[in-house]
Amino acid sequence: MVLLNIASLFRTIIIILVIYYGLKFLVRYVFPILLKNYMDNKMSEFKKQQNAVFEKEAEQIKKEKGKVTISKDPSKDGEYVDYEEVK
């Protein structure tokens, strides 16, 4: 009975050590590689999205080149009054 408990204790300690060193290996070597790949993919998607926006803006600028439009800015309602400071 005592021998069985000691064997179970050693087995439990070995399992804990395997899990500890396995997680340590994953955190040190595997997760950084996965994170780097993830970040590279997100950066390439972001660059593609930005290029699409820049191309769209450039196309719109080319389309509107030479076209004159006058629009009233609603935030500048009212008149400009020049004044002198009196001392």
Protein backbone atom coordinates (compact mmCIF):
# COMPACT_ATOMS: atom_id res chain seq x y z
CA MET A 1 0.00 0.00 0.00
CA VAL A 2 2.77 2.44 0.90
CA LEU A 3 4.73 1.46 -2.23
CA LEU A 4 1.71 2.28 -4.38
CA ASN A 5 1.42 5.73 -2.84
CA ILE A 6 5.12 6.46 -3.39
CA ALA A 7 4.83 5.35 -7.03
CA SER A 8 1.79 7.59 -7.47
CA LEU A 9 3.67 10.48 -5.88
CA PHE A 10 6.64 10.06 -8.24
CA ARG A 11 4.31 9.73 -11.23
CA THR A 12 2.52 12.95 -10.21
CA ILE A 13 5.84 14.78 -9.77
CA ILE A 14 7.02 13.60 -13.20
CA ILE A 15 3.75 14.69 -14.82
CA ILE A 16 4.02 18.13 -13.18
CA LEU A 17 7.64 18.49 -14.36
CA VAL A 18 6.75 17.45 -17.92
CA ILE A 19 3.89 19.94 -18.01
CA TYR A 20 6.10 22.70 -16.53
CA TYR A 21 8.96 22.20 -18.98
CA GLY A 22 6.54 21.70 -21.87
CA LEU A 23 4.87 25.04 -21.15
CA LYS A 24 8.26 26.66 -20.64
CA PHE A 25 9.36 25.38 -24.07
CA LEU A 26 6.14 26.61 -25.70
CA VAL A 27 6.38 30.06 -24.16
CA ARG A 28 10.05 30.47 -24.97
CA TYR A 29 10.19 29.08 -28.54
CA VAL A 30 6.78 28.40 -30.09
CA PHE A 31 4.61 31.34 -28.98
CA PRO A 32 7.06 34.02 -30.22
CA ILE A 33 7.11 32.38 -33.66
CA LEU A 34 3.32 32.24 -33.75
CA LEU A 35 3.06 35.84 -32.57
CA LYS A 36 5.57 37.03 -35.18
CA ASN A 37 3.64 35.27 -37.97
CA TYR A 38 0.36 36.75 -36.71
CA MET A 39 1.82 40.27 -36.58
CA ASP A 40 3.35 39.92 -40.06
CA ASN A 41 -0.03 38.86 -41.47
CA LYS A 42 -1.81 41.77 -39.79
CA MET A 43 0.82 44.24 -41.02
CA SER A 44 0.50 42.99 -44.60
CA GLU A 45 -3.31 43.27 -44.41
CA PHE A 46 -2.97 46.81 -43.04
CA LYS A 47 -0.56 47.78 -45.83
CA LYS A 48 -2.92 46.37 -48.47
CA GLN A 49 -5.80 48.31 -46.95
CA GLN A 50 -3.78 51.52 -46.83
CA ASN A 51 -2.64 51.08 -50.43
CA ALA A 52 -6.25 50.62 -51.50
CA VAL A 53 -7.24 53.83 -49.72
CA PHE A 54 -4.33 55.78 -51.24
CA GLU A 55 -5.12 54.46 -54.73
CA LYS A 56 -8.77 55.43 -54.32
CA GLU A 57 -7.83 58.95 -53.19
CA ALA A 58 -5.33 59.33 -56.03
CA GLU A 59 -7.96 58.20 -58.55
CA GLN A 60 -10.45 60.70 -57.15
CA ILE A 61 -7.89 63.50 -57.31
CA LYS A 62 -7.11 62.65 -60.96
CA LYS A 63 -10.81 62.56 -61.76
CA GLU A 64 -11.44 65.96 -60.19
CA LYS A 65 -8.29 67.64 -61.51
CA GLY A 66 -9.19 70.95 -63.16
CA LYS A 67 -12.70 70.98 -61.73
CA VAL A 68 -13.55 74.07 -59.67
CA THR A 69 -16.12 73.89 -56.91
CA ILE A 70 -17.14 76.46 -54.34
CA SER A 71 -18.77 75.24 -51.19
CA LYS A 72 -19.92 77.25 -48.24
CA ASP A 73 -18.45 76.19 -44.91
CA PRO A 74 -21.35 76.13 -42.42
CA SER A 75 -19.01 76.66 -39.48
CA LYS A 76 -18.09 80.15 -40.75
CA ASP A 77 -21.56 81.69 -40.72
CA GLY A 78 -21.58 85.41 -40.05
CA GLU A 79 -19.38 88.29 -41.05
CA TYR A 80 -15.82 89.15 -40.22
CA VAL A 81 -15.61 92.44 -38.35
CA ASP A 82 -12.31 94.24 -38.13
CA TYR A 83 -11.92 96.23 -34.97
CA GLU A 84 -9.39 98.43 -33.21
CA GLU A 85 -8.42 98.02 -29.61
CA VAL A 86 -9.10 101.14 -27.54
CA LYS A 87 -6.82 101.85 -24.57
